PDB file of N, CA and C in Angstrom:
ATOM      1  N   MET A   1     -41.805 -46.499 101.672  1.00  0.00           N
ATOM      2  CA  MET A   1     -40.382 -46.261 101.496  1.00  0.00           C
ATOM      3  C   MET A   1     -40.003 -44.952 102.173  1.00  0.00           C
ATOM      4  N   ASN A   2     -38.809 -44.915 102.661  1.00  0.00           N
ATOM      5  CA  ASN A   2     -38.237 -43.672 103.159  1.00  0.00           C
ATOM      6  C   ASN A   2     -36.802 -43.596 102.689  1.00  0.00           C
ATOM      7  N   ALA A   3     -36.392 -42.435 102.210  1.00  0.00           N
ATOM      8  CA  ALA A   3     -35.039 -42.255 101.721  1.00  0.00           C
ATOM      9  C   ALA A   3     -34.054 -42.489 102.860  1.00  0.00           C
ATOM     10  N   PRO A   4     -32.992 -43.249 102.609  1.00  0.00           N
ATOM     11  CA  PRO A   4     -31.995 -43.511 103.647  1.00  0.00           C
ATOM     12  C   PRO A   4     -31.078 -42.302 103.825  1.00  0.00           C
ATOM     13  N   LEU A   5     -31.515 -41.340 104.603  1.00  0.00           N
ATOM     14  CA  LEU A   5     -30.788 -40.073 104.730  1.00  0.00           C
ATOM     15  C   LEU A   5     -29.761 -40.076 105.846  1.00  0.00           C
ATOM     16  N   ASP A   6     -29.540 -41.229 106.467  1.00  0.00           N
ATOM     17  CA  ASP A   6     -28.528 -41.296 107.505  1.00  0.00           C
ATOM     18  C   ASP A   6     -27.160 -41.613 106.911  1.00  0.00           C
ATOM     19  N   ILE A   7     -27.012 -41.330 105.630  1.00  0.00           N
ATOM     20  CA  ILE A   7     -25.768 -41.606 104.929  1.00  0.00           C
ATOM     21  C   ILE A   7     -24.662 -40.684 105.421  1.00  0.00           C
ATOM     22  N   GLU A   8     -23.424 -41.133 105.206  1.00  0.00           N
ATOM     23  CA  GLU A   8     -22.264 -40.320 105.545  1.00  0.00           C
ATOM     24  C   GLU A   8     -21.411 -40.201 104.303  1.00  0.00           C
ATOM     25  N   GLY A   9     -20.384 -39.390 104.374  1.00  0.00           N
ATOM     26  CA  GLY A   9     -19.492 -39.218 103.243  1.00  0.00           C
ATOM     27  C   GLY A   9     -19.893 -38.025 102.395  1.00  0.00           C
ATOM     28  N   PRO A  10     -19.362 -37.959 101.182  1.00  0.00           N
ATOM     29  CA  PRO A  10     -19.557 -36.759 100.356  1.00  0.00           C
ATOM     30  C   PRO A  10     -21.008 -36.501  99.954  1.00  0.00           C
ATOM     31  N   ALA A  11     -21.835 -37.526  99.934  1.00  0.00           N
ATOM     32  CA  ALA A  11     -23.225 -37.345  99.509  1.00  0.00           C
ATOM     33  C   ALA A  11     -24.161 -37.028 100.674  1.00  0.00           C
ATOM     34  N   ALA A  12     -23.629 -36.971 101.879  1.00  0.00           N
ATOM     35  CA  ALA A  12     -24.473 -36.711 103.053  1.00  0.00           C
ATOM     36  C   ALA A  12     -24.964 -35.271 103.053  1.00  0.00           C
ATOM     37  N   PRO A  13     -26.260 -35.070 103.309  1.00  0.00           N
ATOM     38  CA  PRO A  13     -26.801 -33.709 103.357  1.00  0.00           C
ATOM     39  C   PRO A  13     -26.199 -32.911 104.516  1.00  0.00           C
ATOM     40  N   PRO A  14     -26.091 -31.589 104.358  1.00  0.00           N
ATOM     41  CA  PRO A  14     -25.584 -30.753 105.455  1.00  0.00           C
ATOM     42  C   PRO A  14     -26.484 -30.859 106.675  1.00  0.00           C
ATOM     43  N   ARG A  15     -25.866 -30.929 107.842  1.00  0.00           N
ATOM     44  CA  ARG A  15     -26.612 -31.034 109.088  1.00  0.00           C
ATOM     45  C   ARG A  15     -25.996 -30.131 110.147  1.00  0.00           C
ATOM     46  N   SER A  16     -26.824 -29.739 111.092  1.00  0.00           N
ATOM     47  CA  SER A  16     -26.383 -29.010 112.265  1.00  0.00           C
ATOM     48  C   SER A  16     -27.097 -29.641 113.456  1.00  0.00           C
ATOM     49  N   ASN A  17     -26.331 -30.117 114.408  1.00  0.00           N
ATOM     50  CA  ASN A  17     -26.905 -30.824 115.567  1.00  0.00           C
ATOM     51  C   ASN A  17     -27.827 -31.957 115.137  1.00  0.00           C
ATOM     52  N   GLY A  18     -27.465 -32.643 114.059  1.00  0.00           N
ATOM     53  CA  GLY A  18     -28.240 -33.782 113.585  1.00  0.00           C
ATOM     54  C   GLY A  18     -29.419 -33.449 112.697  1.00  0.00           C
ATOM     55  N   GLU A  19     -29.763 -32.165 112.577  1.00  0.00           N
ATOM     56  CA  GLU A  19     -30.904 -31.739 111.757  1.00  0.00           C
ATOM     57  C   GLU A  19     -30.428 -31.267 110.386  1.00  0.00           C
ATOM     58  N   LEU A  20     -31.226 -31.546 109.354  1.00  0.00           N
ATOM     59  CA  LEU A  20     -30.902 -31.054 108.022  1.00  0.00           C
ATOM     60  C   LEU A  20     -30.877 -29.529 108.018  1.00  0.00           C
ATOM     61  N   VAL A  21     -29.961 -28.958 107.228  1.00  0.00           N
ATOM     62  CA  VAL A  21     -29.805 -27.510 107.158  1.00  0.00           C
ATOM     63  C   VAL A  21     -30.020 -27.056 105.717  1.00  0.00           C
ATOM     64  N   PHE A  22     -30.876 -26.051 105.550  1.00  0.00           N
ATOM     65  CA  PHE A  22     -31.139 -25.461 104.237  1.00  0.00           C
ATOM     66  C   PHE A  22     -30.884 -23.960 104.339  1.00  0.00           C
ATOM     67  N   ALA A  23     -30.048 -23.428 103.436  1.00  0.00           N
ATOM     68  CA  ALA A  23     -29.725 -22.001 103.458  1.00  0.00           C
ATOM     69  C   ALA A  23     -30.787 -21.178 102.745  1.00  0.00           C
ATOM     70  N   GLU A  24     -31.474 -21.780 101.790  1.00  0.00           N
ATOM     71  CA  GLU A  24     -32.470 -21.076 100.976  1.00  0.00           C
ATOM     72  C   GLU A  24     -33.705 -21.960 100.830  1.00  0.00           C
ATOM     73  N   PRO A  25     -34.882 -21.348 100.636  1.00  0.00           N
ATOM     74  CA  PRO A  25     -36.099 -22.158 100.463  1.00  0.00           C
ATOM     75  C   PRO A  25     -36.023 -23.148  99.304  1.00  0.00           C
ATOM     76  N   TRP A  26     -35.371 -22.775  98.208  1.00  0.00           N
ATOM     77  CA  TRP A  26     -35.310 -23.682  97.058  1.00  0.00           C
ATOM     78  C   TRP A  26     -34.558 -24.960  97.410  1.00  0.00           C
ATOM     79  N   GLU A  27     -33.607 -24.888  98.352  1.00  0.00           N
ATOM     80  CA  GLU A  27     -32.852 -26.075  98.733  1.00  0.00           C
ATOM     81  C   GLU A  27     -33.750 -27.113  99.379  1.00  0.00           C
ATOM     82  N   SER A  28     -34.635 -26.663 100.262  1.00  0.00           N
ATOM     83  CA  SER A  28     -35.547 -27.620 100.894  1.00  0.00           C
ATOM     84  C   SER A  28     -36.532 -28.184  99.886  1.00  0.00           C
ATOM     85  N   ARG A  29     -36.928 -27.382  98.899  1.00  0.00           N
ATOM     86  CA  ARG A  29     -37.842 -27.883  97.860  1.00  0.00           C
ATOM     87  C   ARG A  29     -37.146 -28.910  96.968  1.00  0.00           C
ATOM     88  N   ALA A  30     -35.873 -28.650  96.612  1.00  0.00           N
ATOM     89  CA  ALA A  30     -35.114 -29.616  95.806  1.00  0.00           C
ATOM     90  C   ALA A  30     -34.958 -30.926  96.575  1.00  0.00           C
ATOM     91  N   PHE A  31     -34.652 -30.808  97.856  1.00  0.00           N
ATOM     92  CA  PHE A  31     -34.523 -31.976  98.715  1.00  0.00           C
ATOM     93  C   PHE A  31     -35.841 -32.755  98.743  1.00  0.00           C
ATOM     94  N   GLY A  32     -36.938 -32.037  98.984  1.00  0.00           N
ATOM     95  CA  GLY A  32     -38.251 -32.659  99.062  1.00  0.00           C
ATOM     96  C   GLY A  32     -38.669 -33.329  97.765  1.00  0.00           C
ATOM     97  N   MET A  33     -38.340 -32.704  96.631  1.00  0.00           N
ATOM     98  CA  MET A  33     -38.678 -33.306  95.336  1.00  0.00           C
ATOM     99  C   MET A  33     -37.990 -34.648  95.184  1.00  0.00           C
ATOM    100  N   ALA A  34     -36.686 -34.704  95.511  1.00  0.00           N
ATOM    101  CA  ALA A  34     -35.944 -35.958  95.354  1.00  0.00           C
ATOM    102  C   ALA A  34     -36.509 -37.047  96.262  1.00  0.00           C
ATOM    103  N   VAL A  35     -36.764 -36.711  97.517  1.00  0.00           N
ATOM    104  CA  VAL A  35     -37.284 -37.701  98.462  1.00  0.00           C
ATOM    105  C   VAL A  35     -38.676 -38.166  98.034  1.00  0.00           C
ATOM    106  N   THR A  36     -39.523 -37.241  97.606  1.00  0.00           N
ATOM    107  CA  THR A  36     -40.877 -37.596  97.168  1.00  0.00           C
ATOM    108  C   THR A  36     -40.851 -38.505  95.943  1.00  0.00           C
ATOM    109  N   LEU A  37     -40.005 -38.181  94.972  1.00  0.00           N
ATOM    110  CA  LEU A  37     -39.911 -39.010  93.765  1.00  0.00           C
ATOM    111  C   LEU A  37     -39.331 -40.384  94.080  1.00  0.00           C
ATOM    112  N   TYR A  38     -38.376 -40.428  95.001  1.00  0.00           N
ATOM    113  CA  TYR A  38     -37.851 -41.720  95.448  1.00  0.00           C
ATOM    114  C   TYR A  38     -38.966 -42.524  96.121  1.00  0.00           C
ATOM    115  N   ASP A  39     -39.686 -41.880  97.044  1.00  0.00           N
ATOM    116  CA  ASP A  39     -40.780 -42.559  97.745  1.00  0.00           C
ATOM    117  C   ASP A  39     -41.844 -43.070  96.772  1.00  0.00           C
ATOM    118  N   ALA A  40     -42.023 -42.366  95.657  1.00  0.00           N
ATOM    119  CA  ALA A  40     -43.005 -42.775  94.647  1.00  0.00           C
ATOM    120  C   ALA A  40     -42.477 -43.898  93.757  1.00  0.00           C
ATOM    121  N   GLY A  41     -41.201 -44.276  93.937  1.00  0.00           N
ATOM    122  CA  GLY A  41     -40.635 -45.373  93.154  1.00  0.00           C
ATOM    123  C   GLY A  41     -40.125 -44.975  91.787  1.00  0.00           C
ATOM    124  N   VAL A  42     -39.919 -43.688  91.565  1.00  0.00           N
ATOM    125  CA  VAL A  42     -39.442 -43.230  90.253  1.00  0.00           C
ATOM    126  C   VAL A  42     -38.004 -43.673  90.011  1.00  0.00           C
ATOM    127  N   PHE A  43     -37.195 -43.729  91.067  1.00  0.00           N
ATOM    128  CA  PHE A  43     -35.812 -44.187  90.968  1.00  0.00           C
ATOM    129  C   PHE A  43     -35.423 -44.804  92.312  1.00  0.00           C
ATOM    130  N   THR A  44     -34.308 -45.514  92.318  1.00  0.00           N
ATOM    131  CA  THR A  44     -33.814 -46.096  93.568  1.00  0.00           C
ATOM    132  C   THR A  44     -32.866 -45.112  94.238  1.00  0.00           C
ATOM    133  N   TRP A  45     -32.721 -45.248  95.553  1.00  0.00           N
ATOM    134  CA  TRP A  45     -31.802 -44.352  96.262  1.00  0.00           C
ATOM    135  C   TRP A  45     -30.356 -44.551  95.809  1.00  0.00           C
ATOM    136  N   PRO A  46     -29.905 -45.790  95.572  1.00  0.00           N
ATOM    137  CA  PRO A  46     -28.534 -45.949  95.051  1.00  0.00           C
ATOM    138  C   PRO A  46     -28.319 -45.237  93.713  1.00  0.00           C
ATOM    139  N   GLU A  47     -29.343 -45.192  92.853  1.00  0.00           N
ATOM    140  CA  GLU A  47     -29.228 -44.454  91.588  1.00  0.00           C
ATOM    141  C   GLU A  47     -29.010 -42.973  91.865  1.00  0.00           C
ATOM    142  N   PHE A  48     -29.813 -42.426  92.778  1.00  0.00           N
ATOM    143  CA  PHE A  48     -29.680 -41.013  93.087  1.00  0.00           C
ATOM    144  C   PHE A  48     -28.349 -40.727  93.773  1.00  0.00           C
ATOM    145  N   GLN A  49     -27.989 -41.555  94.722  1.00  0.00           N
ATOM    146  CA  GLN A  49     -26.742 -41.339  95.449  1.00  0.00           C
ATOM    147  C   GLN A  49     -25.543 -41.398  94.503  1.00  0.00           C
ATOM    148  N   ALA A  50     -25.541 -42.335  93.558  1.00  0.00           N
ATOM    149  CA  ALA A  50     -24.449 -42.432  92.589  1.00  0.00           C
ATOM    150  C   ALA A  50     -24.378 -41.172  91.723  1.00  0.00           C
ATOM    151  N   ALA A  51     -25.540 -40.655  91.314  1.00  0.00           N
ATOM    152  CA  ALA A  51     -25.567 -39.431  90.505  1.00  0.00           C
ATOM    153  C   ALA A  51     -25.048 -38.240  91.310  1.00  0.00           C
ATOM    154  N   LEU A  52     -25.409 -38.169  92.586  1.00  0.00           N
ATOM    155  CA  LEU A  52     -24.947 -37.082  93.439  1.00  0.00           C
ATOM    156  C   LEU A  52     -23.438 -37.168  93.663  1.00  0.00           C
ATOM    157  N   ILE A  53     -22.940 -38.349  93.948  1.00  0.00           N
ATOM    158  CA  ILE A  53     -21.499 -38.532  94.146  1.00  0.00           C
ATOM    159  C   ILE A  53     -20.747 -38.177  92.868  1.00  0.00           C
ATOM    160  N   ALA A  54     -21.305 -38.550  91.705  1.00  0.00           N
ATOM    161  CA  ALA A  54     -20.664 -38.214  90.437  1.00  0.00           C
ATOM    162  C   ALA A  54     -20.622 -36.696  90.228  1.00  0.00           C
ATOM    163  N   ARG A  55     -21.708 -36.007  90.537  1.00  0.00           N
ATOM    164  CA  ARG A  55     -21.737 -34.546  90.410  1.00  0.00           C
ATOM    165  C   ARG A  55     -20.730 -33.884  91.352  1.00  0.00           C
ATOM    166  N   ILE A  56     -20.627 -34.388  92.575  1.00  0.00           N
ATOM    167  CA  ILE A  56     -19.663 -33.845  93.541  1.00  0.00           C
ATOM    168  C   ILE A  56     -18.244 -34.085  93.043  1.00  0.00           C
ATOM    169  N   ALA A  57     -17.972 -35.276  92.516  1.00  0.00           N
ATOM    170  CA  ALA A  57     -16.639 -35.604  92.008  1.00  0.00           C
ATOM    171  C   ALA A  57     -16.255 -34.700  90.845  1.00  0.00           C
ATOM    172  N   VAL A  58     -17.188 -34.430  89.952  1.00  0.00           N
ATOM    173  CA  VAL A  58     -16.912 -33.534  88.825  1.00  0.00           C
ATOM    174  C   VAL A  58     -16.585 -32.137  89.338  1.00  0.00           C
ATOM    175  N   TRP A  59     -17.354 -31.672  90.324  1.00  0.00           N
ATOM    176  CA  TRP A  59     -17.080 -30.349  90.884  1.00  0.00           C
ATOM    177  C   TRP A  59     -15.695 -30.327  91.533  1.00  0.00           C
ATOM    178  N   GLU A  60     -15.374 -31.368  92.309  1.00  0.00           N
ATOM    179  CA  GLU A  60     -14.077 -31.428  92.989  1.00  0.00           C
ATOM    180  C   GLU A  60     -12.919 -31.495  92.003  1.00  0.00           C
ATOM    181  N   ALA A  61     -13.112 -32.160  90.864  1.00  0.00           N
ATOM    182  CA  ALA A  61     -12.060 -32.312  89.873  1.00  0.00           C
ATOM    183  C   ALA A  61     -11.905 -31.095  88.977  1.00  0.00           C
ATOM    184  N   SER A  62     -12.862 -30.201  89.033  1.00  0.00           N
ATOM    185  CA  SER A  62     -12.819 -29.014  88.183  1.00  0.00           C
ATOM    186  C   SER A  62     -11.583 -28.185  88.508  1.00  0.00           C
ATOM    187  N   ALA A  63     -10.768 -27.944  87.496  1.00  0.00           N
ATOM    188  CA  ALA A  63      -9.524 -27.200  87.698  1.00  0.00           C
ATOM    189  C   ALA A  63      -9.797 -25.758  88.108  1.00  0.00           C
ATOM    190  N   LYS A  64     -10.805 -25.153  87.495  1.00  0.00           N
ATOM    191  CA  LYS A  64     -11.090 -23.744  87.762  1.00  0.00           C
ATOM    192  C   LYS A  64     -12.057 -23.544  88.917  1.00  0.00           C
ATOM    193  N   ARG A  65     -12.968 -24.469  89.074  1.00  0.00           N
ATOM    194  CA  ARG A  65     -14.007 -24.340  90.091  1.00  0.00           C
ATOM    195  C   ARG A  65     -14.662 -22.960  90.001  1.00  0.00           C
ATOM    196  N   ASP A  66     -15.136 -22.662  88.805  1.00  0.00           N
ATOM    197  CA  ASP A  66     -15.804 -21.377  88.562  1.00  0.00           C
ATOM    198  C   ASP A  66     -17.013 -21.189  89.469  1.00  0.00           C
ATOM    199  N   GLU A  67     -17.643 -22.271  89.805  1.00  0.00           N
ATOM    200  CA  GLU A  67     -18.841 -22.210  90.632  1.00  0.00           C
ATOM    201  C   GLU A  67     -18.463 -22.518  92.079  1.00  0.00           C
ATOM    202  N   PRO A  68     -18.967 -21.746  93.041  1.00  0.00           N
ATOM    203  CA  PRO A  68     -18.725 -22.099  94.442  1.00  0.00           C
ATOM    204  C   PRO A  68     -19.458 -23.402  94.767  1.00  0.00           C
ATOM    205  N   TYR A  69     -18.972 -24.105  95.769  1.00  0.00           N
ATOM    206  CA  TYR A  69     -19.604 -25.357  96.146  1.00  0.00           C
ATOM    207  C   TYR A  69     -21.012 -25.099  96.654  1.00  0.00           C
ATOM    208  N   SER A  70     -21.958 -25.801  96.082  1.00  0.00           N
ATOM    209  CA  SER A  70     -23.353 -25.715  96.499  1.00  0.00           C
ATOM    210  C   SER A  70     -23.892 -27.135  96.558  1.00  0.00           C
ATOM    211  N   TYR A  71     -23.971 -27.685  97.771  1.00  0.00           N
ATOM    212  CA  TYR A  71     -24.441 -29.051  97.917  1.00  0.00           C
ATOM    213  C   TYR A  71     -25.788 -29.238  97.230  1.00  0.00           C
ATOM    214  N   TYR A  72     -26.733 -28.341  97.496  1.00  0.00           N
ATOM    215  CA  TYR A  72     -28.065 -28.530  96.918  1.00  0.00           C
ATOM    216  C   TYR A  72     -28.109 -28.180  95.434  1.00  0.00           C
ATOM    217  N   GLY A  73     -27.189 -27.367  94.962  1.00  0.00           N
ATOM    218  CA  GLY A  73     -27.062 -27.162  93.518  1.00  0.00           C
ATOM    219  C   GLY A  73     -26.660 -28.468  92.843  1.00  0.00           C
ATOM    220  N   LEU A  74     -25.718 -29.175  93.461  1.00  0.00           N
ATOM    221  CA  LEU A  74     -25.294 -30.471  92.937  1.00  0.00           C
ATOM    222  C   LEU A  74     -26.387 -31.517  93.130  1.00  0.00           C
ATOM    223  N   TRP A  75     -27.118 -31.410  94.239  1.00  0.00           N
ATOM    224  CA  TRP A  75     -28.250 -32.310  94.515  1.00  0.00           C
ATOM    225  C   TRP A  75     -29.286 -32.185  93.394  1.00  0.00           C
ATOM    226  N   LEU A  76     -29.620 -30.942  93.046  1.00  0.00           N
ATOM    227  CA  LEU A  76     -30.610 -30.702  92.001  1.00  0.00           C
ATOM    228  C   LEU A  76     -30.116 -31.208  90.651  1.00  0.00           C
ATOM    229  N   ALA A  77     -28.827 -30.974  90.344  1.00  0.00           N
ATOM    230  CA  ALA A  77     -28.260 -31.481  89.093  1.00  0.00           C
ATOM    231  C   ALA A  77     -28.307 -33.005  89.060  1.00  0.00           C
ATOM    232  N   ALA A  78     -28.014 -33.648  90.192  1.00  0.00           N
ATOM    233  CA  ALA A  78     -28.074 -35.112  90.268  1.00  0.00           C
ATOM    234  C   ALA A  78     -29.504 -35.602  90.062  1.00  0.00           C
ATOM    235  N   LEU A  79     -30.464 -34.875  90.621  1.00  0.00           N
ATOM    236  CA  LEU A  79     -31.868 -35.241  90.427  1.00  0.00           C
ATOM    237  C   LEU A  79     -32.236 -35.162  88.949  1.00  0.00           C
ATOM    238  N   GLU A  80     -31.796 -34.103  88.278  1.00  0.00           N
ATOM    239  CA  GLU A  80     -32.043 -33.990  86.833  1.00  0.00           C
ATOM    240  C   GLU A  80     -31.408 -35.160  86.087  1.00  0.00           C
ATOM    241  N   ASP A  81     -30.167 -35.522  86.471  1.00  0.00           N
ATOM    242  CA  ASP A  81     -29.480 -36.644  85.819  1.00  0.00           C
ATOM    243  C   ASP A  81     -30.264 -37.943  85.972  1.00  0.00           C
ATOM    244  N   VAL A  82     -30.736 -38.205  87.195  1.00  0.00           N
ATOM    245  CA  VAL A  82     -31.468 -39.451  87.451  1.00  0.00           C
ATOM    246  C   VAL A  82     -32.796 -39.456  86.702  1.00  0.00           C
ATOM    247  N   LEU A  83     -33.501 -38.338  86.730  1.00  0.00           N
ATOM    248  CA  LEU A  83     -34.802 -38.292  86.056  1.00  0.00           C
ATOM    249  C   LEU A  83     -34.663 -38.463  84.551  1.00  0.00           C
ATOM    250  N   THR A  84     -33.596 -37.929  83.961  1.00  0.00           N
ATOM    251  CA  THR A  84     -33.398 -38.148  82.528  1.00  0.00           C
ATOM    252  C   THR A  84     -32.935 -39.572  82.255  1.00  0.00           C
ATOM    253  N   SER A  85     -32.136 -40.162  83.174  1.00  0.00           N
ATOM    254  CA  SER A  85     -31.648 -41.526  82.940  1.00  0.00           C
ATOM    255  C   SER A  85     -32.768 -42.558  83.038  1.00  0.00           C
ATOM    256  N   VAL A  86     -33.756 -42.319  83.892  1.00  0.00           N
ATOM    257  CA  VAL A  86     -34.877 -43.264  83.984  1.00  0.00           C
ATOM    258  C   VAL A  86     -36.014 -42.864  83.048  1.00  0.00           C
ATOM    259  N   ARG A  87     -35.745 -41.860  82.243  1.00  0.00           N
ATOM    260  CA  ARG A  87     -36.683 -41.370  81.229  1.00  0.00           C
ATOM    261  C   ARG A  87     -37.987 -40.842  81.819  1.00  0.00           C
ATOM    262  N   ALA A  88     -37.903 -40.313  83.043  1.00  0.00           N
ATOM    263  CA  ALA A  88     -39.079 -39.686  83.651  1.00  0.00           C
ATOM    264  C   ALA A  88     -39.294 -38.302  83.047  1.00  0.00           C
ATOM    265  N   VAL A  89     -38.236 -37.729  82.516  1.00  0.00           N
ATOM    266  CA  VAL A  89     -38.286 -36.412  81.889  1.00  0.00           C
ATOM    267  C   VAL A  89     -37.155 -36.360  80.862  1.00  0.00           C
ATOM    268  N   SER A  90     -37.359 -35.606  79.793  1.00  0.00           N
ATOM    269  CA  SER A  90     -36.304 -35.494  78.787  1.00  0.00           C
ATOM    270  C   SER A  90     -35.363 -34.353  79.134  1.00  0.00           C
ATOM    271  N   THR A  91     -34.147 -34.429  78.632  1.00  0.00           N
ATOM    272  CA  THR A  91     -33.172 -33.365  78.858  1.00  0.00           C
ATOM    273  C   THR A  91     -33.717 -32.045  78.321  1.00  0.00           C
ATOM    274  N   GLY A  92     -34.380 -32.076  77.182  1.00  0.00           N
ATOM    275  CA  GLY A  92     -34.957 -30.857  76.605  1.00  0.00           C
ATOM    276  C   GLY A  92     -35.976 -30.214  77.529  1.00  0.00           C
ATOM    277  N   GLU A  93     -36.800 -31.040  78.182  1.00  0.00           N
ATOM    278  CA  GLU A  93     -37.794 -30.506  79.118  1.00  0.00           C
ATOM    279  C   GLU A  93     -37.113 -29.846  80.311  1.00  0.00           C
ATOM    280  N   VAL A  94     -36.047 -30.464  80.821  1.00  0.00           N
ATOM    281  CA  VAL A  94     -35.311 -29.894  81.947  1.00  0.00           C
ATOM    282  C   VAL A  94     -34.713 -28.549  81.552  1.00  0.00           C
ATOM    283  N   VAL A  95     -34.073 -28.488  80.394  1.00  0.00           N
ATOM    284  CA  VAL A  95     -33.446 -27.244  79.937  1.00  0.00           C
ATOM    285  C   VAL A  95     -34.493 -26.156  79.729  1.00  0.00           C
ATOM    286  N   LYS A  96     -35.606 -26.501  79.099  1.00  0.00           N
ATOM    287  CA  LYS A  96     -36.664 -25.519  78.852  1.00  0.00           C
ATOM    288  C   LYS A  96     -37.206 -24.947  80.158  1.00  0.00           C
ATOM    289  N   ARG A  97     -37.482 -25.816  81.123  1.00  0.00           N
ATOM    290  CA  ARG A  97     -38.039 -25.361  82.396  1.00  0.00           C
ATOM    291  C   ARG A  97     -37.007 -24.544  83.186  1.00  0.00           C
ATOM    292  N   ALA A  98     -35.740 -24.961  83.146  1.00  0.00           N
ATOM    293  CA  ALA A  98     -34.690 -24.224  83.850  1.00  0.00           C
ATOM    294  C   ALA A  98     -34.541 -22.820  83.268  1.00  0.00           C
ATOM    295  N   ARG A  99     -34.596 -22.701  81.954  1.00  0.00           N
ATOM    296  CA  ARG A  99     -34.511 -21.381  81.321  1.00  0.00           C
ATOM    297  C   ARG A  99     -35.691 -20.512  81.712  1.00  0.00           C
ATOM    298  N   SER A 100     -36.874 -21.105  81.741  1.00  0.00           N
ATOM    299  CA  SER A 100     -38.073 -20.366  82.126  1.00  0.00           C
ATOM    300  C   SER A 100     -37.951 -19.845  83.551  1.00  0.00           C
ATOM    301  N   LEU A 101     -37.489 -20.696  84.445  1.00  0.00           N
ATOM    302  CA  LEU A 101     -37.337 -20.281  85.841  1.00  0.00           C
ATOM    303  C   LEU A 101     -36.236 -19.243  86.003  1.00  0.00           C
ATOM    304  N   ALA A 102     -35.172 -19.353  85.233  1.00  0.00           N
ATOM    305  CA  ALA A 102     -34.059 -18.408  85.332  1.00  0.00           C
ATOM    306  C   ALA A 102     -34.456 -17.007  84.887  1.00  0.00           C
ATOM    307  N   GLN A 103     -35.488 -16.893  84.072  1.00  0.00           N
ATOM    308  CA  GLN A 103     -35.922 -15.595  83.576  1.00  0.00           C
ATOM    309  C   GLN A 103     -36.851 -14.877  84.545  1.00  0.00           C
ATOM    310  N   ARG A 104     -37.240 -15.517  85.615  1.00  0.00           N
ATOM    311  CA  ARG A 104     -38.127 -14.882  86.599  1.00  0.00           C
ATOM    312  C   ARG A 104     -37.358 -13.855  87.413  1.00  0.00           C
ATOM    313  N   PRO A 105     -38.047 -12.832  87.879  1.00  0.00           N
ATOM    314  CA  PRO A 105     -37.390 -11.851  88.740  1.00  0.00           C
ATOM    315  C   PRO A 105     -36.929 -12.495  90.044  1.00  0.00           C
ATOM    316  N   SER A 106     -35.893 -11.932  90.632  1.00  0.00           N
ATOM    317  CA  SER A 106     -35.379 -12.427  91.905  1.00  0.00           C
ATOM    318  C   SER A 106     -36.487 -12.437  92.949  1.00  0.00           C
ATOM    319  N   GLY A 107     -36.540 -13.509  93.726  1.00  0.00           N
ATOM    320  CA  GLY A 107     -37.554 -13.626  94.770  1.00  0.00           C
ATOM    321  C   GLY A 107     -38.883 -14.153  94.283  1.00  0.00           C
ATOM    322  N   HIS A 108     -39.007 -14.408  92.989  1.00  0.00           N
ATOM    323  CA  HIS A 108     -40.262 -14.894  92.410  1.00  0.00           C
ATOM    324  C   HIS A 108     -40.101 -16.386  92.154  1.00  0.00           C
ATOM    325  N   ASP A 109     -40.221 -17.168  93.216  1.00  0.00           N
ATOM    326  CA  ASP A 109     -39.969 -18.594  93.064  1.00  0.00           C
ATOM    327  C   ASP A 109     -41.216 -19.452  93.203  1.00  0.00           C
ATOM    328  N   HIS A 110     -42.374 -18.853  93.069  1.00  0.00           N
ATOM    329  CA  HIS A 110     -43.598 -19.646  93.091  1.00  0.00           C
ATOM    330  C   HIS A 110     -44.267 -19.576  91.728  1.00  0.00           C
ATOM    331  N   ARG A 111     -45.152 -20.509  91.506  1.00  0.00           N
ATOM    332  CA  ARG A 111     -45.828 -20.611  90.210  1.00  0.00           C
ATOM    333  C   ARG A 111     -47.057 -19.727  90.199  1.00  0.00           C
ATOM    334  N   ASP A 112     -47.184 -18.905  89.172  1.00  0.00           N
ATOM    335  CA  ASP A 112     -48.390 -18.102  88.993  1.00  0.00           C
ATOM    336  C   ASP A 112     -49.415 -18.906  88.206  1.00  0.00           C
ATOM    337  N   ASP A 113     -50.679 -18.597  88.434  1.00  0.00           N
ATOM    338  CA  ASP A 113     -51.734 -19.289  87.699  1.00  0.00           C
ATOM    339  C   ASP A 113     -51.606 -19.099  86.193  1.00  0.00           C
ATOM    340  N   HIS A 114     -51.126 -17.915  85.762  1.00  0.00           N
ATOM    341  CA  HIS A 114     -51.015 -17.694  84.316  1.00  0.00           C
ATOM    342  C   HIS A 114     -49.826 -18.434  83.707  1.00  0.00           C
ATOM    343  N   ASP A 115     -48.909 -18.963  84.542  1.00  0.00           N
ATOM    344  CA  ASP A 115     -47.784 -19.737  84.010  1.00  0.00           C
ATOM    345  C   ASP A 115     -48.234 -21.097  83.498  1.00  0.00           C
ATOM    346  N   HIS A 116     -49.184 -21.675  84.186  1.00  0.00           N
ATOM    347  CA  HIS A 116     -49.654 -23.009  83.826  1.00  0.00           C
ATOM    348  C   HIS A 116     -51.170 -23.020  83.888  1.00  0.00           C
ATOM    349  N   PRO A 117     -51.829 -22.709  82.790  1.00  0.00           N
ATOM    350  CA  PRO A 117     -53.296 -22.679  82.805  1.00  0.00           C
ATOM    351  C   PRO A 117     -53.865 -24.050  83.148  1.00  0.00           C
ATOM    352  N   HIS A 118     -55.000 -24.018  83.782  1.00  0.00           N
ATOM    353  CA  HIS A 118     -55.660 -25.270  84.214  1.00  0.00           C
ATOM    354  C   HIS A 118     -56.371 -25.925  83.077  1.00  0.00           C
TER     355      HIS A 118
END
């Protein structure tokens, strides 16, 4: 399987000269996680695309738009939505892990051995 990334419209990934564009390393990792999980058969691409379009629509409808538009921020939120909907992960697990990652110092985006003992 390969993710159908030649999509157009609001769910299309940012591109420059036809190539995917990532502003930060975490964006490419979020992208890679979704494609890898799709390739593994965890969810269908239409499921993910629908979740992404729904997240974009909610952001667009937001009266205040407190958060600046972040395609990959919405991509990651859509991935969380799909993974919880197919019961691959619980909402509690997502929240716990997100809080743990948010408490790390800036620039510390890799896993230390003491974070997850073998």
